[in-house]
Amino acid sequence: MTVQLLRYYDPATEAFISLKAKGLPLGVDAAIPYRESSATIKDGQVLFIGTDGIWETSNEMGELFGKDRLKAVIRQHADQSARNILLAVHAAAEEFRGELKQEDDLTIVIVKLQAE
């Protein structure tokens, strides 16, 4: 599993902002040094981390799900909870794939900041 996408979505500006992370995911190898970086995520923004299995999911016609479809699902469900966004992404990828077997992992983490 390789993390390929680390971004957040800002519903206020409808922008997807890429976070510049490099190297292995934290915890894969204790001997690897890590550089620390930070970003400020605000209330209502959606952080998502995922593997290429999401946008490389193909349908029966050989089309890829793609990053644009992934972004559209996140944008459409950004007003919902992190869990609901996650479920929507998985459902959209499964519906797109149809009867084909999933060839790669679908790994995605959604974090949504919400004021109490």
PDB file of N, CA and C in Angstrom:
ATOM      1  N   MET A   1       0.845  -1.179   0.000  1.00  0.00           N
ATOM      2  CA  MET A   1       0.000   0.000   0.000  1.00  0.00           C
ATOM      3  C   MET A   1       0.883   1.233   0.000  1.00  0.00           C
ATOM      4  N   THR A   2       0.682   2.099  -0.930  1.00  0.00           N
ATOM      5  CA  THR A   2       1.416   3.348  -1.003  1.00  0.00           C
ATOM      6  C   THR A   2       0.417   4.489  -0.932  1.00  0.00           C
ATOM      7  N   VAL A   3       0.657   5.416  -0.024  1.00  0.00           N
ATOM      8  CA  VAL A   3      -0.211   6.587   0.047  1.00  0.00           C
ATOM      9  C   VAL A   3       0.132   7.466  -1.137  1.00  0.00           C
ATOM     10  N   GLN A   4      -0.856   7.778  -1.913  1.00  0.00           N
ATOM     11  CA  GLN A   4      -0.647   8.550  -3.126  1.00  0.00           C
ATOM     12  C   GLN A   4      -1.296   9.929  -3.071  1.00  0.00           C
ATOM     13  N   LEU A   5      -2.204  10.119  -2.161  1.00  0.00           N
ATOM     14  CA  LEU A   5      -2.974  11.353  -2.174  1.00  0.00           C
ATOM     15  C   LEU A   5      -3.134  11.863  -0.759  1.00  0.00           C
ATOM     16  N   LEU A   6      -2.734  13.084  -0.546  1.00  0.00           N
ATOM     17  CA  LEU A   6      -2.897  13.729   0.749  1.00  0.00           C
ATOM     18  C   LEU A   6      -3.344  15.149   0.460  1.00  0.00           C
ATOM     19  N   ARG A   7      -4.627  15.380   0.618  1.00  0.00           N
ATOM     20  CA  ARG A   7      -5.220  16.683   0.296  1.00  0.00           C
ATOM     21  C   ARG A   7      -6.309  17.021   1.293  1.00  0.00           C
ATOM     22  N   TYR A   8      -6.719  18.270   1.223  1.00  0.00           N
ATOM     23  CA  TYR A   8      -7.935  18.621   1.937  1.00  0.00           C
ATOM     24  C   TYR A   8      -8.798  19.486   1.047  1.00  0.00           C
ATOM     25  N   TYR A   9     -10.087  19.430   1.356  1.00  0.00           N
ATOM     26  CA  TYR A   9     -11.084  20.162   0.599  1.00  0.00           C
ATOM     27  C   TYR A   9     -11.645  21.263   1.483  1.00  0.00           C
ATOM     28  N   ASP A  10     -11.701  22.473   0.934  1.00  0.00           N
ATOM     29  CA  ASP A  10     -12.252  23.614   1.656  1.00  0.00           C
ATOM     30  C   ASP A  10     -13.580  23.993   1.010  1.00  0.00           C
ATOM     31  N   PRO A  11     -14.707  23.630   1.658  1.00  0.00           N
ATOM     32  CA  PRO A  11     -16.016  23.943   1.068  1.00  0.00           C
ATOM     33  C   PRO A  11     -16.264  25.443   0.895  1.00  0.00           C
ATOM     34  N   ALA A  12     -15.625  26.272   1.713  1.00  0.00           N
ATOM     35  CA  ALA A  12     -15.837  27.722   1.619  1.00  0.00           C
ATOM     36  C   ALA A  12     -15.313  28.277   0.291  1.00  0.00           C
ATOM     37  N   THR A  13     -14.234  27.708  -0.215  1.00  0.00           N
ATOM     38  CA  THR A  13     -13.646  28.175  -1.468  1.00  0.00           C
ATOM     39  C   THR A  13     -13.798  27.160  -2.596  1.00  0.00           C
ATOM     40  N   GLU A  14     -14.333  25.970  -2.269  1.00  0.00           N
ATOM     41  CA  GLU A  14     -14.474  24.848  -3.194  1.00  0.00           C
ATOM     42  C   GLU A  14     -13.131  24.439  -3.796  1.00  0.00           C
ATOM     43  N   ALA A  15     -12.057  24.626  -3.018  1.00  0.00           N
ATOM     44  CA  ALA A  15     -10.713  24.301  -3.486  1.00  0.00           C
ATOM     45  C   ALA A  15     -10.201  23.019  -2.842  1.00  0.00           C
ATOM     46  N   PHE A  16      -9.458  22.249  -3.623  1.00  0.00           N
ATOM     47  CA  PHE A  16      -8.735  21.088  -3.127  1.00  0.00           C
ATOM     48  C   PHE A  16      -7.276  21.499  -3.003  1.00  0.00           C
ATOM     49  N   ILE A  17      -6.732  21.384  -1.821  1.00  0.00           N
ATOM     50  CA  ILE A  17      -5.368  21.808  -1.545  1.00  0.00           C
ATOM     51  C   ILE A  17      -4.517  20.566  -1.285  1.00  0.00           C
ATOM     52  N   SER A  18      -3.424  20.456  -2.032  1.00  0.00           N
ATOM     53  CA  SER A  18      -2.525  19.316  -1.889  1.00  0.00           C
ATOM     54  C   SER A  18      -1.532  19.594  -0.771  1.00  0.00           C
ATOM     55  N   LEU A  19      -1.335  18.619   0.090  1.00  0.00           N
ATOM     56  CA  LEU A  19      -0.340  18.716   1.147  1.00  0.00           C
ATOM     57  C   LEU A  19       0.913  18.009   0.650  1.00  0.00           C
ATOM     58  N   LYS A  20       2.032  18.630   0.818  1.00  0.00           N
ATOM     59  CA  LYS A  20       3.283  18.122   0.259  1.00  0.00           C
ATOM     60  C   LYS A  20       3.970  17.185   1.240  1.00  0.00           C
ATOM     61  N   ALA A  21       3.588  15.933   1.212  1.00  0.00           N
ATOM     62  CA  ALA A  21       4.208  14.918   2.064  1.00  0.00           C
ATOM     63  C   ALA A  21       5.071  14.023   1.192  1.00  0.00           C
ATOM     64  N   LYS A  22       6.232  13.650   1.709  1.00  0.00           N
ATOM     65  CA  LYS A  22       7.127  12.773   0.963  1.00  0.00           C
ATOM     66  C   LYS A  22       7.580  11.641   1.857  1.00  0.00           C
ATOM     67  N   GLY A  23       7.955  10.538   1.251  1.00  0.00           N
ATOM     68  CA  GLY A  23       8.485   9.412   1.996  1.00  0.00           C
ATOM     69  C   GLY A  23       7.425   8.383   2.321  1.00  0.00           C
ATOM     70  N   LEU A  24       7.827   7.409   3.110  1.00  0.00           N
ATOM     71  CA  LEU A  24       6.931   6.334   3.525  1.00  0.00           C
ATOM     72  C   LEU A  24       5.910   6.835   4.532  1.00  0.00           C
ATOM     73  N   PRO A  25       4.749   6.179   4.605  1.00  0.00           N
ATOM     74  CA  PRO A  25       3.791   6.520   5.653  1.00  0.00           C
ATOM     75  C   PRO A  25       4.402   6.276   7.036  1.00  0.00           C
ATOM     76  N   LEU A  26       4.055   7.100   7.980  1.00  0.00           N
ATOM     77  CA  LEU A  26       4.566   7.011   9.346  1.00  0.00           C
ATOM     78  C   LEU A  26       4.314   5.625   9.922  1.00  0.00           C
ATOM     79  N   GLY A  27       5.351   5.035  10.508  1.00  0.00           N
ATOM     80  CA  GLY A  27       5.219   3.754  11.171  1.00  0.00           C
ATOM     81  C   GLY A  27       5.571   2.550  10.321  1.00  0.00           C
ATOM     82  N   VAL A  28       5.849   2.750   9.033  1.00  0.00           N
ATOM     83  CA  VAL A  28       6.176   1.628   8.161  1.00  0.00           C
ATOM     84  C   VAL A  28       7.548   1.054   8.515  1.00  0.00           C
ATOM     85  N   ASP A  29       8.502   1.911   8.780  1.00  0.00           N
ATOM     86  CA  ASP A  29       9.860   1.473   9.098  1.00  0.00           C
ATOM     87  C   ASP A  29      10.420   2.404  10.164  1.00  0.00           C
ATOM     88  N   ALA A  30      10.650   1.869  11.350  1.00  0.00           N
ATOM     89  CA  ALA A  30      11.128   2.676  12.475  1.00  0.00           C
ATOM     90  C   ALA A  30      12.502   3.279  12.212  1.00  0.00           C
ATOM     91  N   ALA A  31      13.278   2.717  11.297  1.00  0.00           N
ATOM     92  CA  ALA A  31      14.627   3.210  11.021  1.00  0.00           C
ATOM     93  C   ALA A  31      14.637   4.405  10.064  1.00  0.00           C
ATOM     94  N   ILE A  32      13.524   4.686   9.436  1.00  0.00           N
ATOM     95  CA  ILE A  32      13.453   5.779   8.464  1.00  0.00           C
ATOM     96  C   ILE A  32      13.240   7.106   9.196  1.00  0.00           C
ATOM     97  N   PRO A  33      14.079   8.108   8.934  1.00  0.00           N
ATOM     98  CA  PRO A  33      13.846   9.425   9.545  1.00  0.00           C
ATOM     99  C   PRO A  33      12.678  10.136   8.834  1.00  0.00           C
ATOM    100  N   TYR A  34      11.937  10.903   9.574  1.00  0.00           N
ATOM    101  CA  TYR A  34      10.791  11.625   9.025  1.00  0.00           C
ATOM    102  C   TYR A  34      10.967  13.116   9.224  1.00  0.00           C
ATOM    103  N   ARG A  35      10.539  13.859   8.216  1.00  0.00           N
ATOM    104  CA  ARG A  35      10.509  15.313   8.336  1.00  0.00           C
ATOM    105  C   ARG A  35       9.120  15.713   8.798  1.00  0.00           C
ATOM    106  N   GLU A  36       9.096  16.635   9.688  1.00  0.00           N
ATOM    107  CA  GLU A  36       7.815  17.127  10.191  1.00  0.00           C
ATOM    108  C   GLU A  36       7.368  18.316   9.349  1.00  0.00           C
ATOM    109  N   SER A  37       6.103  18.350   9.032  1.00  0.00           N
ATOM    110  CA  SER A  37       5.519  19.500   8.353  1.00  0.00           C
ATOM    111  C   SER A  37       4.124  19.699   8.913  1.00  0.00           C
ATOM    112  N   SER A  38       3.557  20.849   8.656  1.00  0.00           N
ATOM    113  CA  SER A  38       2.235  21.112   9.215  1.00  0.00           C
ATOM    114  C   SER A  38       1.399  21.934   8.239  1.00  0.00           C
ATOM    115  N   ALA A  39       0.109  21.874   8.462  1.00  0.00           N
ATOM    116  CA  ALA A  39      -0.854  22.673   7.717  1.00  0.00           C
ATOM    117  C   ALA A  39      -1.995  22.981   8.664  1.00  0.00           C
ATOM    118  N   THR A  40      -2.612  24.103   8.478  1.00  0.00           N
ATOM    119  CA  THR A  40      -3.742  24.490   9.312  1.00  0.00           C
ATOM    120  C   THR A  40      -5.029  24.072   8.615  1.00  0.00           C
ATOM    121  N   ILE A  41      -5.777  23.201   9.260  1.00  0.00           N
ATOM    122  CA  ILE A  41      -7.058  22.751   8.736  1.00  0.00           C
ATOM    123  C   ILE A  41      -8.140  23.426   9.576  1.00  0.00           C
ATOM    124  N   LYS A  42      -9.105  24.024   8.924  1.00  0.00           N
ATOM    125  CA  LYS A  42     -10.131  24.800   9.611  1.00  0.00           C
ATOM    126  C   LYS A  42     -11.452  24.044   9.695  1.00  0.00           C
ATOM    127  N   ASP A  43     -12.323  24.550  10.539  1.00  0.00           N
ATOM    128  CA  ASP A  43     -13.653  23.980  10.725  1.00  0.00           C
ATOM    129  C   ASP A  43     -14.356  23.794   9.381  1.00  0.00           C
ATOM    130  N   GLY A  44     -14.913  22.607   9.167  1.00  0.00           N
ATOM    131  CA  GLY A  44     -15.657  22.303   7.956  1.00  0.00           C
ATOM    132  C   GLY A  44     -14.824  21.741   6.828  1.00  0.00           C
ATOM    133  N   GLN A  45     -13.503  21.835   6.933  1.00  0.00           N
ATOM    134  CA  GLN A  45     -12.647  21.304   5.881  1.00  0.00           C
ATOM    135  C   GLN A  45     -12.518  19.798   6.024  1.00  0.00           C
ATOM    136  N   VAL A  46     -12.235  19.132   4.918  1.00  0.00           N
ATOM    137  CA  VAL A  46     -12.173  17.679   4.869  1.00  0.00           C
ATOM    138  C   VAL A  46     -10.779  17.253   4.426  1.00  0.00           C
ATOM    139  N   LEU A  47     -10.071  16.556   5.296  1.00  0.00           N
ATOM    140  CA  LEU A  47      -8.765  16.009   4.967  1.00  0.00           C
ATOM    141  C   LEU A  47      -8.965  14.597   4.446  1.00  0.00           C
ATOM    142  N   PHE A  48      -8.329  14.254   3.342  1.00  0.00           N
ATOM    143  CA  PHE A  48      -8.430  12.884   2.860  1.00  0.00           C
ATOM    144  C   PHE A  48      -7.069  12.366   2.413  1.00  0.00           C
ATOM    145  N   ILE A  49      -6.825  11.132   2.808  1.00  0.00           N
ATOM    146  CA  ILE A  49      -5.595  10.426   2.497  1.00  0.00           C
ATOM    147  C   ILE A  49      -6.021   9.126   1.837  1.00  0.00           C
ATOM    148  N   GLY A  50      -5.453   8.817   0.701  1.00  0.00           N
ATOM    149  CA  GLY A  50      -5.883   7.609   0.028  1.00  0.00           C
ATOM    150  C   GLY A  50      -4.813   6.980  -0.830  1.00  0.00           C
ATOM    151  N   THR A  51      -5.081   5.771  -1.250  1.00  0.00           N
ATOM    152  CA  THR A  51      -4.183   5.042  -2.137  1.00  0.00           C
ATOM    153  C   THR A  51      -4.707   5.091  -3.566  1.00  0.00           C
ATOM    154  N   ASP A  52      -3.839   4.754  -4.501  1.00  0.00           N
ATOM    155  CA  ASP A  52      -4.203   4.815  -5.915  1.00  0.00           C
ATOM    156  C   ASP A  52      -5.296   3.830  -6.308  1.00  0.00           C
ATOM    157  N   GLY A  53      -5.593   2.854  -5.459  1.00  0.00           N
ATOM    158  CA  GLY A  53      -6.661   1.904  -5.757  1.00  0.00           C
ATOM    159  C   GLY A  53      -8.018   2.563  -5.898  1.00  0.00           C
ATOM    160  N   ILE A  54      -8.176   3.732  -5.311  1.00  0.00           N
ATOM    161  CA  ILE A  54      -9.453   4.451  -5.409  1.00  0.00           C
ATOM    162  C   ILE A  54      -9.644   4.967  -6.829  1.00  0.00           C
ATOM    163  N   TRP A  55      -8.744   5.813  -7.293  1.00  0.00           N
ATOM    164  CA  TRP A  55      -8.948   6.420  -8.608  1.00  0.00           C
ATOM    165  C   TRP A  55      -8.531   5.519  -9.760  1.00  0.00           C
ATOM    166  N   GLU A  56      -7.838   4.413  -9.474  1.00  0.00           N
ATOM    167  CA  GLU A  56      -7.501   3.461 -10.529  1.00  0.00           C
ATOM    168  C   GLU A  56      -8.516   2.317 -10.634  1.00  0.00           C
ATOM    169  N   THR A  57      -9.591   2.392  -9.871  1.00  0.00           N
ATOM    170  CA  THR A  57     -10.684   1.431 -10.024  1.00  0.00           C
ATOM    171  C   THR A  57     -11.252   1.594 -11.430  1.00  0.00           C
ATOM    172  N   SER A  58     -11.401   0.476 -12.138  1.00  0.00           N
ATOM    173  CA  SER A  58     -11.902   0.574 -13.509  1.00  0.00           C
ATOM    174  C   SER A  58     -13.281  -0.056 -13.626  1.00  0.00           C
ATOM    175  N   ASN A  59     -13.991   0.377 -14.655  1.00  0.00           N
ATOM    176  CA  ASN A  59     -15.316  -0.186 -14.916  1.00  0.00           C
ATOM    177  C   ASN A  59     -15.232  -1.173 -16.081  1.00  0.00           C
ATOM    178  N   GLU A  60     -16.359  -1.702 -16.482  1.00  0.00           N
ATOM    179  CA  GLU A  60     -16.405  -2.726 -17.530  1.00  0.00           C
ATOM    180  C   GLU A  60     -15.965  -2.203 -18.891  1.00  0.00           C
ATOM    181  N   MET A  61     -15.952  -0.892 -19.075  1.00  0.00           N
ATOM    182  CA  MET A  61     -15.515  -0.304 -20.348  1.00  0.00           C
ATOM    183  C   MET A  61     -14.039   0.094 -20.301  1.00  0.00           C
ATOM    184  N   GLY A  62     -13.360  -0.197 -19.171  1.00  0.00           N
ATOM    185  CA  GLY A  62     -11.943   0.110 -19.049  1.00  0.00           C
ATOM    186  C   GLY A  62     -11.636   1.526 -18.607  1.00  0.00           C
ATOM    187  N   GLU A  63     -12.676   2.288 -18.268  1.00  0.00           N
ATOM    188  CA  GLU A  63     -12.460   3.648 -17.781  1.00  0.00           C
ATOM    189  C   GLU A  63     -12.013   3.603 -16.321  1.00  0.00           C
ATOM    190  N   LEU A  64     -11.229   4.586 -15.917  1.00  0.00           N
ATOM    191  CA  LEU A  64     -10.813   4.698 -14.525  1.00  0.00           C
ATOM    192  C   LEU A  64     -11.756   5.617 -13.764  1.00  0.00           C
ATOM    193  N   PHE A  65     -11.947   5.314 -12.483  1.00  0.00           N
ATOM    194  CA  PHE A  65     -12.767   6.160 -11.611  1.00  0.00           C
ATOM    195  C   PHE A  65     -12.204   7.570 -11.602  1.00  0.00           C
ATOM    196  N   GLY A  66     -10.916   7.693 -11.426  1.00  0.00           N
ATOM    197  CA  GLY A  66     -10.227   8.977 -11.556  1.00  0.00           C
ATOM    198  C   GLY A  66     -10.338   9.891 -10.354  1.00  0.00           C
ATOM    199  N   LYS A  67      -9.422  10.835 -10.306  1.00  0.00           N
ATOM    200  CA  LYS A  67      -9.380  11.802  -9.207  1.00  0.00           C
ATOM    201  C   LYS A  67     -10.516  12.818  -9.310  1.00  0.00           C
ATOM    202  N   ASP A  68     -10.955  13.121 -10.522  1.00  0.00           N
ATOM    203  CA  ASP A  68     -12.060  14.078 -10.668  1.00  0.00           C
ATOM    204  C   ASP A  68     -13.350  13.530 -10.070  1.00  0.00           C
ATOM    205  N   ARG A  69     -13.630  12.239 -10.272  1.00  0.00           N
ATOM    206  CA  ARG A  69     -14.822  11.632  -9.669  1.00  0.00           C
ATOM    207  C   ARG A  69     -14.683  11.593  -8.147  1.00  0.00           C
ATOM    208  N   LEU A  70     -13.478  11.253  -7.681  1.00  0.00           N
ATOM    209  CA  LEU A  70     -13.237  11.241  -6.236  1.00  0.00           C
ATOM    210  C   LEU A  70     -13.507  12.618  -5.642  1.00  0.00           C
ATOM    211  N   LYS A  71     -12.984  13.639  -6.266  1.00  0.00           N
ATOM    212  CA  LYS A  71     -13.201  15.008  -5.786  1.00  0.00           C
ATOM    213  C   LYS A  71     -14.687  15.372  -5.823  1.00  0.00           C
ATOM    214  N   ALA A  72     -15.382  14.954  -6.869  1.00  0.00           N
ATOM    215  CA  ALA A  72     -16.808  15.266  -6.987  1.00  0.00           C
ATOM    216  C   ALA A  72     -17.603  14.638  -5.841  1.00  0.00           C
ATOM    217  N   VAL A  73     -17.261  13.405  -5.469  1.00  0.00           N
ATOM    218  CA  VAL A  73     -17.958  12.740  -4.364  1.00  0.00           C
ATOM    219  C   VAL A  73     -17.673  13.478  -3.054  1.00  0.00           C
ATOM    220  N   ILE A  74     -16.427  13.837  -2.835  1.00  0.00           N
ATOM    221  CA  ILE A  74     -16.078  14.564  -1.604  1.00  0.00           C
ATOM    222  C   ILE A  74     -16.783  15.914  -1.573  1.00  0.00           C
ATOM    223  N   ARG A  75     -16.774  16.620  -2.692  1.00  0.00           N
ATOM    224  CA  ARG A  75     -17.444  17.925  -2.767  1.00  0.00           C
ATOM    225  C   ARG A  75     -18.946  17.770  -2.488  1.00  0.00           C
ATOM    226  N   GLN A  76     -19.571  16.763  -3.077  1.00  0.00           N
ATOM    227  CA  GLN A  76     -21.010  16.556  -2.934  1.00  0.00           C
ATOM    228  C   GLN A  76     -21.411  16.226  -1.496  1.00  0.00           C
ATOM    229  N   HIS A  77     -20.532  15.565  -0.747  1.00  0.00           N
ATOM    230  CA  HIS A  77     -20.867  15.105   0.599  1.00  0.00           C
ATOM    231  C   HIS A  77     -20.113  15.858   1.697  1.00  0.00           C
ATOM    232  N   ALA A  78     -19.465  16.961   1.347  1.00  0.00           N
ATOM    233  CA  ALA A  78     -18.621  17.690   2.300  1.00  0.00           C
ATOM    234  C   ALA A  78     -19.385  18.223   3.504  1.00  0.00           C
ATOM    235  N   ASP A  79     -20.693  18.392   3.382  1.00  0.00           N
ATOM    236  CA  ASP A  79     -21.483  18.891   4.509  1.00  0.00           C
ATOM    237  C   ASP A  79     -21.864  17.775   5.482  1.00  0.00           C
ATOM    238  N   GLN A  80     -21.470  16.546   5.181  1.00  0.00           N
ATOM    239  CA  GLN A  80     -21.811  15.400   6.025  1.00  0.00           C
ATOM    240  C   GLN A  80     -20.632  15.024   6.922  1.00  0.00           C
ATOM    241  N   SER A  81     -20.841  14.017   7.744  1.00  0.00           N
ATOM    242  CA  SER A  81     -19.787  13.551   8.652  1.00  0.00           C
ATOM    243  C   SER A  81     -18.674  12.859   7.869  1.00  0.00           C
ATOM    244  N   ALA A  82     -17.516  12.710   8.502  1.00  0.00           N
ATOM    245  CA  ALA A  82     -16.397  12.005   7.879  1.00  0.00           C
ATOM    246  C   ALA A  82     -16.807  10.587   7.497  1.00  0.00           C
ATOM    247  N   ARG A  83     -17.531   9.921   8.373  1.00  0.00           N
ATOM    248  CA  ARG A  83     -17.978   8.551   8.084  1.00  0.00           C
ATOM    249  C   ARG A  83     -18.860   8.500   6.837  1.00  0.00           C
ATOM    250  N   ASN A  84     -19.792   9.448   6.725  1.00  0.00           N
ATOM    251  CA  ASN A  84     -20.676   9.458   5.562  1.00  0.00           C
ATOM    252  C   ASN A  84     -19.920   9.772   4.273  1.00  0.00           C
ATOM    253  N   ILE A  85     -18.902  10.637   4.358  1.00  0.00           N
ATOM    254  CA  ILE A  85     -18.082  10.925   3.181  1.00  0.00           C
ATOM    255  C   ILE A  85     -17.342   9.657   2.762  1.00  0.00           C
ATOM    256  N   LEU A  86     -16.770   8.972   3.735  1.00  0.00           N
ATOM    257  CA  LEU A  86     -16.059   7.720   3.477  1.00  0.00           C
ATOM    258  C   LEU A  86     -16.979   6.692   2.814  1.00  0.00           C
ATOM    259  N   LEU A  87     -18.161   6.514   3.379  1.00  0.00           N
ATOM    260  CA  LEU A  87     -19.124   5.563   2.814  1.00  0.00           C
ATOM    261  C   LEU A  87     -19.531   5.959   1.398  1.00  0.00           C
ATOM    262  N   ALA A  88     -19.670   7.256   1.152  1.00  0.00           N
ATOM    263  CA  ALA A  88     -20.051   7.736  -0.176  1.00  0.00           C
ATOM    264  C   ALA A  88     -18.959   7.454  -1.203  1.00  0.00           C
ATOM    265  N   VAL A  89     -17.699   7.627  -0.808  1.00  0.00           N
ATOM    266  CA  VAL A  89     -16.584   7.339  -1.720  1.00  0.00           C
ATOM    267  C   VAL A  89     -16.568   5.854  -2.073  1.00  0.00           C
ATOM    268  N   HIS A  90     -16.676   4.997  -1.047  1.00  0.00           N
ATOM    269  CA  HIS A  90     -16.681   3.553  -1.302  1.00  0.00           C
ATOM    270  C   HIS A  90     -17.872   3.145  -2.177  1.00  0.00           C
ATOM    271  N   ALA A  91     -19.045   3.683  -1.890  1.00  0.00           N
ATOM    272  CA  ALA A  91     -20.238   3.339  -2.675  1.00  0.00           C
ATOM    273  C   ALA A  91     -20.085   3.794  -4.130  1.00  0.00           C
ATOM    274  N   ALA A  92     -19.544   4.989  -4.328  1.00  0.00           N
ATOM    275  CA  ALA A  92     -19.368   5.503  -5.690  1.00  0.00           C
ATOM    276  C   ALA A  92     -18.369   4.653  -6.469  1.00  0.00           C
ATOM    277  N   ALA A  93     -17.277   4.243  -5.819  1.00  0.00           N
ATOM    278  CA  ALA A  93     -16.283   3.404  -6.491  1.00  0.00           C
ATOM    279  C   ALA A  93     -16.865   2.031  -6.830  1.00  0.00           C
ATOM    280  N   GLU A  94     -17.635   1.455  -5.906  1.00  0.00           N
ATOM    281  CA  GLU A  94     -18.260   0.153  -6.155  1.00  0.00           C
ATOM    282  C   GLU A  94     -19.283   0.234  -7.279  1.00  0.00           C
ATOM    283  N   GLU A  95     -20.091   1.272  -7.267  1.00  0.00           N
ATOM    284  CA  GLU A  95     -21.091   1.437  -8.325  1.00  0.00           C
ATOM    285  C   GLU A  95     -20.407   1.628  -9.678  1.00  0.00           C
ATOM    286  N   PHE A  96     -19.346   2.405  -9.702  1.00  0.00           N
ATOM    287  CA  PHE A  96     -18.602   2.642 -10.936  1.00  0.00           C
ATOM    288  C   PHE A  96     -18.001   1.342 -11.470  1.00  0.00           C
ATOM    289  N   ARG A  97     -17.451   0.515 -10.573  1.00  0.00           N
ATOM    290  CA  ARG A  97     -16.796  -0.737 -10.937  1.00  0.00           C
ATOM    291  C   ARG A  97     -17.787  -1.756 -11.494  1.00  0.00           C
ATOM    292  N   GLY A  98     -19.008  -1.721 -10.991  1.00  0.00           N
ATOM    293  CA  GLY A  98     -20.018  -2.669 -11.451  1.00  0.00           C
ATOM    294  C   GLY A  98     -19.709  -4.077 -10.982  1.00  0.00           C
ATOM    295  N   GLU A  99     -19.795  -5.032 -11.881  1.00  0.00           N
ATOM    296  CA  GLU A  99     -19.610  -6.447 -11.544  1.00  0.00           C
ATOM    297  C   GLU A  99     -18.144  -6.881 -11.547  1.00  0.00           C
ATOM    298  N   LEU A 100     -17.242  -6.002 -11.933  1.00  0.00           N
ATOM    299  CA  LEU A 100     -15.827  -6.364 -11.967  1.00  0.00           C
ATOM    300  C   LEU A 100     -15.280  -6.572 -10.555  1.00  0.00           C
ATOM    301  N   LYS A 101     -14.287  -7.445 -10.466  1.00  0.00           N
ATOM    302  CA  LYS A 101     -13.597  -7.682  -9.198  1.00  0.00           C
ATOM    303  C   LYS A 101     -12.675  -6.496  -8.903  1.00  0.00           C
ATOM    304  N   GLN A 102     -12.615  -6.081  -7.651  1.00  0.00           N
ATOM    305  CA  GLN A 102     -11.703  -5.013  -7.256  1.00  0.00           C
ATOM    306  C   GLN A 102     -10.284  -5.571  -7.274  1.00  0.00           C
ATOM    307  N   GLU A 103      -9.419  -4.980  -8.079  1.00  0.00           N
ATOM    308  CA  GLU A 103      -8.063  -5.489  -8.267  1.00  0.00           C
ATOM    309  C   GLU A 103      -7.064  -4.930  -7.258  1.00  0.00           C
ATOM    310  N   ASP A 104      -7.331  -3.788  -6.699  1.00  0.00           N
ATOM    311  CA  ASP A 104      -6.396  -3.119  -5.795  1.00  0.00           C
ATOM    312  C   ASP A 104      -7.141  -2.732  -4.525  1.00  0.00           C
ATOM    313  N   ASP A 105      -6.379  -2.384  -3.497  1.00  0.00           N
ATOM    314  CA  ASP A 105      -7.043  -1.969  -2.262  1.00  0.00           C
ATOM    315  C   ASP A 105      -7.714  -0.608  -2.449  1.00  0.00           C
ATOM    316  N   LEU A 106      -8.789  -0.405  -1.722  1.00  0.00           N
ATOM    317  CA  LEU A 106      -9.451   0.899  -1.644  1.00  0.00           C
ATOM    318  C   LEU A 106      -9.226   1.397  -0.223  1.00  0.00           C
ATOM    319  N   THR A 107      -8.174   2.143  -0.047  1.00  0.00           N
ATOM    320  CA  THR A 107      -7.843   2.635   1.283  1.00  0.00           C
ATOM    321  C   THR A 107      -7.994   4.145   1.293  1.00  0.00           C
ATOM    322  N   ILE A 108      -8.815   4.642   2.185  1.00  0.00           N
ATOM    323  CA  ILE A 108      -9.002   6.079   2.305  1.00  0.00           C
ATOM    324  C   ILE A 108      -9.287   6.411   3.771  1.00  0.00           C
ATOM    325  N   VAL A 109      -8.708   7.518   4.195  1.00  0.00           N
ATOM    326  CA  VAL A 109      -8.955   8.053   5.531  1.00  0.00           C
ATOM    327  C   VAL A 109      -9.547   9.436   5.342  1.00  0.00           C
ATOM    328  N   ILE A 110     -10.654   9.686   6.004  1.00  0.00           N
ATOM    329  CA  ILE A 110     -11.318  10.988   5.954  1.00  0.00           C
ATOM    330  C   ILE A 110     -11.313  11.578   7.353  1.00  0.00           C
ATOM    331  N   VAL A 111     -10.881  12.819   7.469  1.00  0.00           N
ATOM    332  CA  VAL A 111     -10.928  13.546   8.733  1.00  0.00           C
ATOM    333  C   VAL A 111     -11.658  14.849   8.460  1.00  0.00           C
ATOM    334  N   LYS A 112     -12.663  15.124   9.263  1.00  0.00           N
ATOM    335  CA  LYS A 112     -13.414  16.370   9.072  1.00  0.00           C
ATOM    336  C   LYS A 112     -13.442  17.125  10.386  1.00  0.00           C
ATOM    337  N   LEU A 113     -13.057  18.381  10.319  1.00  0.00           N
ATOM    338  CA  LEU A 113     -13.087  19.211  11.508  1.00  0.00           C
ATOM    339  C   LEU A 113     -14.468  19.833  11.649  1.00  0.00           C
ATOM    340  N   GLN A 114     -15.033  19.683  12.849  1.00  0.00           N
ATOM    341  CA  GLN A 114     -16.333  20.270  13.123  1.00  0.00           C
ATOM    342  C   GLN A 114     -16.303  20.897  14.507  1.00  0.00           C
ATOM    343  N   ALA A 115     -16.745  22.142  14.574  1.00  0.00           N
ATOM    344  CA  ALA A 115     -16.818  22.824  15.870  1.00  0.00           C
ATOM    345  C   ALA A 115     -17.896  22.166  16.718  1.00  0.00           C
ATOM    346  N   GLU A 116     -17.654  22.130  17.996  1.00  0.00           N
ATOM    347  CA  GLU A 116     -18.649  21.529  18.877  1.00  0.00           C
ATOM    348  C   GLU A 116     -19.728  22.516  19.233  1.00  0.00           C
TER     349      GLU A 116
END
